[in-house]
PDB file of N, CA and C in Angstrom:
ATOM      1  N   MET A   1      56.989  -3.442 -23.746  1.00  0.00           N
ATOM      2  CA  MET A   1      57.247  -2.295 -23.174  1.00  0.00           C
ATOM      3  C   MET A   1      55.735  -1.502 -23.758  1.00  0.00           C
ATOM      4  N   ALA A   2      55.126  -0.690 -23.242  1.00  0.00           N
ATOM      5  CA  ALA A   2      54.038   0.031 -23.249  1.00  0.00           C
ATOM      6  C   ALA A   2      54.539   1.464 -24.009  1.00  0.00           C
ATOM      7  N   ILE A   3      53.842   1.768 -24.713  1.00  0.00           N
ATOM      8  CA  ILE A   3      53.713   3.370 -25.471  1.00  0.00           C
ATOM      9  C   ILE A   3      52.410   3.911 -25.669  1.00  0.00           C
ATOM     10  N   GLU A   4      52.465   4.872 -25.358  1.00  0.00           N
ATOM     11  CA  GLU A   4      51.350   6.046 -25.798  1.00  0.00           C
ATOM     12  C   GLU A   4      51.417   6.897 -26.816  1.00  0.00           C
ATOM     13  N   MET A   5      50.202   7.074 -27.565  1.00  0.00           N
ATOM     14  CA  MET A   5      50.224   7.583 -28.796  1.00  0.00           C
ATOM     15  C   MET A   5      48.723   8.653 -28.411  1.00  0.00           C
ATOM     16  N   ARG A   6      49.180   9.657 -28.911  1.00  0.00           N
ATOM     17  CA  ARG A   6      48.265  10.913 -28.524  1.00  0.00           C
ATOM     18  C   ARG A   6      48.112  12.009 -29.797  1.00  0.00           C
ATOM     19  N   THR A   7      46.827  11.769 -30.192  1.00  0.00           N
ATOM     20  CA  THR A   7      46.759  12.736 -31.763  1.00  0.00           C
ATOM     21  C   THR A   7      45.650  13.607 -31.207  1.00  0.00           C
ATOM     22  N   GLU A   8      45.837  15.054 -31.820  1.00  0.00           N
ATOM     23  CA  GLU A   8      44.871  15.968 -31.409  1.00  0.00           C
ATOM     24  C   GLU A   8      44.258  16.357 -32.884  1.00  0.00           C
ATOM     25  N   VAL A   9      43.088  15.909 -32.835  1.00  0.00           N
ATOM     26  CA  VAL A   9      42.181  16.263 -34.064  1.00  0.00           C
ATOM     27  C   VAL A   9      41.333  17.758 -34.117  1.00  0.00           C
ATOM     28  N   GLN A  10      41.795  18.423 -35.063  1.00  0.00           N
ATOM     29  CA  GLN A  10      41.212  19.982 -35.043  1.00  0.00           C
ATOM     30  C   GLN A  10      40.027  19.696 -36.024  1.00  0.00           C
ATOM     31  N   GLY A  11      38.923  20.424 -35.554  1.00  0.00           N
ATOM     32  CA  GLY A  11      37.695  20.544 -36.468  1.00  0.00           C
ATOM     33  C   GLY A  11      36.624  19.577 -36.291  1.00  0.00           C
ATOM     34  N   MET A  12      36.911  18.467 -35.444  1.00  0.00           N
ATOM     35  CA  MET A  12      35.802  17.319 -35.114  1.00  0.00           C
ATOM     36  C   MET A  12      35.476  17.508 -33.805  1.00  0.00           C
ATOM     37  N   THR A  13      34.446  16.874 -33.415  1.00  0.00           N
ATOM     38  CA  THR A  13      33.935  16.891 -31.969  1.00  0.00           C
ATOM     39  C   THR A  13      33.944  15.713 -31.213  1.00  0.00           C
ATOM     40  N   ALA A  14      33.882  15.542 -29.997  1.00  0.00           N
ATOM     41  CA  ALA A  14      34.301  14.580 -29.102  1.00  0.00           C
ATOM     42  C   ALA A  14      32.980  13.575 -29.787  1.00  0.00           C
ATOM     43  N   GLU A  15      31.884  13.869 -30.135  1.00  0.00           N
ATOM     44  CA  GLU A  15      30.665  13.099 -30.608  1.00  0.00           C
ATOM     45  C   GLU A  15      31.040  12.214 -31.770  1.00  0.00           C
ATOM     46  N   GLN A  16      31.686  13.064 -32.673  1.00  0.00           N
ATOM     47  CA  GLN A  16      32.260  12.620 -33.883  1.00  0.00           C
ATOM     48  C   GLN A  16      33.349  11.408 -33.924  1.00  0.00           C
ATOM     49  N   ILE A  17      34.420  11.982 -32.969  1.00  0.00           N
ATOM     50  CA  ILE A  17      35.341  10.949 -32.508  1.00  0.00           C
ATOM     51  C   ILE A  17      34.820   9.945 -32.044  1.00  0.00           C
ATOM     52  N   GLN A  18      33.999   9.878 -30.832  1.00  0.00           N
ATOM     53  CA  GLN A  18      33.712   8.764 -30.585  1.00  0.00           C
ATOM     54  C   GLN A  18      32.914   7.801 -31.101  1.00  0.00           C
ATOM     55  N   ASP A  19      32.199   8.204 -32.058  1.00  0.00           N
ATOM     56  CA  ASP A  19      31.418   7.368 -33.074  1.00  0.00           C
ATOM     57  C   ASP A  19      32.443   6.746 -34.125  1.00  0.00           C
ATOM     58  N   PHE A  20      33.682   7.496 -34.690  1.00  0.00           N
ATOM     59  CA  PHE A  20      34.611   7.134 -35.541  1.00  0.00           C
ATOM     60  C   PHE A  20      35.274   5.884 -34.724  1.00  0.00           C
ATOM     61  N   VAL A  21      35.919   6.421 -33.772  1.00  0.00           N
ATOM     62  CA  VAL A  21      36.429   5.052 -32.993  1.00  0.00           C
ATOM     63  C   VAL A  21      35.556   3.965 -32.801  1.00  0.00           C
ATOM     64  N   ALA A  22      34.315   4.208 -32.210  1.00  0.00           N
ATOM     65  CA  ALA A  22      33.641   2.776 -31.898  1.00  0.00           C
ATOM     66  C   ALA A  22      33.343   1.746 -33.073  1.00  0.00           C
ATOM     67  N   GLN A  23      33.182   2.755 -34.493  1.00  0.00           N
ATOM     68  CA  GLN A  23      32.547   2.070 -35.823  1.00  0.00           C
ATOM     69  C   GLN A  23      34.224   1.375 -36.544  1.00  0.00           C
ATOM     70  N   VAL A  24      35.218   2.241 -36.298  1.00  0.00           N
ATOM     71  CA  VAL A  24      36.071   2.014 -37.038  1.00  0.00           C
ATOM     72  C   VAL A  24      37.532   1.133 -36.445  1.00  0.00           C
ATOM     73  N   VAL A  25      37.788   2.153 -35.511  1.00  0.00           N
ATOM     74  CA  VAL A  25      39.220   1.720 -34.617  1.00  0.00           C
ATOM     75  C   VAL A  25      39.188   0.974 -33.768  1.00  0.00           C
ATOM     76  N   MET A  26      38.163   0.648 -32.747  1.00  0.00           N
ATOM     77  CA  MET A  26      38.310  -0.407 -31.514  1.00  0.00           C
ATOM     78  C   MET A  26      38.026  -1.534 -31.914  1.00  0.00           C
ATOM     79  N   PRO A  27      36.817  -2.086 -32.948  1.00  0.00           N
ATOM     80  CA  PRO A  27      37.100  -2.999 -33.818  1.00  0.00           C
ATOM     81  C   PRO A  27      38.440  -3.975 -33.913  1.00  0.00           C
ATOM     82  N   LYS A  28      39.423  -3.067 -34.512  1.00  0.00           N
ATOM     83  CA  LYS A  28      40.920  -3.814 -35.121  1.00  0.00           C
ATOM     84  C   LYS A  28      41.736  -3.305 -33.806  1.00  0.00           C
ATOM     85  N   ILE A  29      41.778  -1.962 -33.223  1.00  0.00           N
ATOM     86  CA  ILE A  29      42.728  -2.004 -32.017  1.00  0.00           C
ATOM     87  C   ILE A  29      42.929  -2.996 -31.008  1.00  0.00           C
ATOM     88  N   LYS A  30      41.709  -3.341 -30.845  1.00  0.00           N
ATOM     89  CA  LYS A  30      41.619  -4.205 -29.718  1.00  0.00           C
ATOM     90  C   LYS A  30      42.176  -5.856 -30.097  1.00  0.00           C
ATOM     91  N   THR A  31      42.334  -6.184 -31.301  1.00  0.00           N
ATOM     92  CA  THR A  31      42.898  -7.101 -31.287  1.00  0.00           C
ATOM     93  C   THR A  31      44.671  -7.251 -31.420  1.00  0.00           C
ATOM     94  N   PHE A  32      45.156  -6.007 -31.191  1.00  0.00           N
ATOM     95  CA  PHE A  32      46.878  -5.895 -31.339  1.00  0.00           C
ATOM     96  C   PHE A  32      47.285  -5.978 -30.512  1.00  0.00           C
ATOM     97  N   PRO A  33      48.334  -7.134 -30.099  1.00  0.00           N
ATOM     98  CA  PRO A  33      49.167  -7.294 -28.830  1.00  0.00           C
ATOM     99  C   PRO A  33      49.346  -6.179 -28.510  1.00  0.00           C
ATOM    100  N   GLY A  34      49.358  -6.068 -26.616  1.00  0.00           N
ATOM    101  CA  GLY A  34      49.579  -5.335 -26.160  1.00  0.00           C
ATOM    102  C   GLY A  34      48.726  -3.911 -25.789  1.00  0.00           C
ATOM    103  N   PHE A  35      47.586  -3.912 -26.678  1.00  0.00           N
ATOM    104  CA  PHE A  35      46.586  -2.992 -26.827  1.00  0.00           C
ATOM    105  C   PHE A  35      46.262  -2.858 -25.219  1.00  0.00           C
ATOM    106  N   ILE A  36      45.925  -1.509 -24.339  1.00  0.00           N
ATOM    107  CA  ILE A  36      45.554  -1.396 -22.712  1.00  0.00           C
ATOM    108  C   ILE A  36      44.170  -0.835 -22.913  1.00  0.00           C
ATOM    109  N   ALA A  37      44.384   0.618 -23.626  1.00  0.00           N
ATOM    110  CA  ALA A  37      43.010   1.481 -23.351  1.00  0.00           C
ATOM    111  C   ALA A  37      42.908   2.591 -24.392  1.00  0.00           C
ATOM    112  N   HIS A  38      41.888   2.861 -24.617  1.00  0.00           N
ATOM    113  CA  HIS A  38      41.684   4.142 -25.436  1.00  0.00           C
ATOM    114  C   HIS A  38      40.990   5.188 -24.774  1.00  0.00           C
ATOM    115  N   ALA A  39      41.346   6.594 -24.991  1.00  0.00           N
ATOM    116  CA  ALA A  39      40.789   7.416 -24.374  1.00  0.00           C
ATOM    117  C   ALA A  39      40.642   8.989 -25.212  1.00  0.00           C
ATOM    118  N   SER A  40      39.444   9.624 -25.153  1.00  0.00           N
ATOM    119  CA  SER A  40      39.562  10.604 -25.996  1.00  0.00           C
ATOM    120  C   SER A  40      38.455  11.377 -25.384  1.00  0.00           C
ATOM    121  N   GLY A  41      38.513  13.081 -25.761  1.00  0.00           N
ATOM    122  CA  GLY A  41      37.787  14.182 -25.210  1.00  0.00           C
ATOM    123  C   GLY A  41      38.012  14.990 -25.969  1.00  0.00           C
ATOM    124  N   ALA A  42      37.321  16.422 -25.517  1.00  0.00           N
ATOM    125  CA  ALA A  42      37.219  17.529 -26.332  1.00  0.00           C
ATOM    126  C   ALA A  42      38.604  18.509 -25.846  1.00  0.00           C
ATOM    127  N   THR A  43      38.890  19.285 -26.776  1.00  0.00           N
ATOM    128  CA  THR A  43      39.584  20.400 -26.933  1.00  0.00           C
ATOM    129  C   THR A  43      39.097  21.522 -27.315  1.00  0.00           C
ATOM    130  N   GLU A  44      40.070  22.693 -27.486  1.00  0.00           N
ATOM    131  CA  GLU A  44      39.652  23.774 -27.948  1.00  0.00           C
ATOM    132  C   GLU A  44      39.856  23.801 -29.689  1.00  0.00           C
ATOM    133  N   GLY A  45      38.767  23.472 -30.160  1.00  0.00           N
ATOM    134  CA  GLY A  45      38.704  23.824 -31.419  1.00  0.00           C
ATOM    135  C   GLY A  45      38.630  22.073 -32.127  1.00  0.00           C
ATOM    136  N   GLY A  46      38.659  21.202 -31.187  1.00  0.00           N
ATOM    137  CA  GLY A  46      38.887  19.751 -31.488  1.00  0.00           C
ATOM    138  C   GLY A  46      38.752  18.804 -30.885  1.00  0.00           C
ATOM    139  N   CYS A  47      39.528  17.674 -30.510  1.00  0.00           N
ATOM    140  CA  CYS A  47      39.145  16.761 -29.589  1.00  0.00           C
ATOM    141  C   CYS A  47      40.655  15.801 -29.889  1.00  0.00           C
ATOM    142  N   TYR A  48      41.201  15.397 -28.621  1.00  0.00           N
ATOM    143  CA  TYR A  48      42.536  14.193 -28.241  1.00  0.00           C
ATOM    144  C   TYR A  48      41.742  13.150 -28.687  1.00  0.00           C
ATOM    145  N   VAL A  49      42.866  12.168 -29.179  1.00  0.00           N
ATOM    146  CA  VAL A  49      42.480  10.578 -28.972  1.00  0.00           C
ATOM    147  C   VAL A  49      43.997  10.038 -28.438  1.00  0.00           C
ATOM    148  N   THR A  50      43.829   8.946 -27.577  1.00  0.00           N
ATOM    149  CA  THR A  50      45.086   8.771 -26.785  1.00  0.00           C
ATOM    150  C   THR A  50      44.770   7.185 -26.460  1.00  0.00           C
ATOM    151  N   GLU A  51      45.579   6.580 -27.318  1.00  0.00           N
ATOM    152  CA  GLU A  51      45.922   4.966 -27.005  1.00  0.00           C
ATOM    153  C   GLU A  51      47.088   4.546 -26.107  1.00  0.00           C
ATOM    154  N   PHE A  52      46.897   3.209 -25.515  1.00  0.00           N
ATOM    155  CA  PHE A  52      47.987   2.716 -25.004  1.00  0.00           C
ATOM    156  C   PHE A  52      47.789   1.510 -25.178  1.00  0.00           C
TER     157      PHE A  52
END
């Protein structure tokens, strides 16, 4: 069964999130069974992160 997790992070830029995800999140999350994709982008006042 697939799930979607979405988080909105206030006060961080899309660039900051992309750096954090690339260095900390992706190396670990890619090893999780069922991982499909990651997406992130800017919102008003912060950014969002979505994982499938």
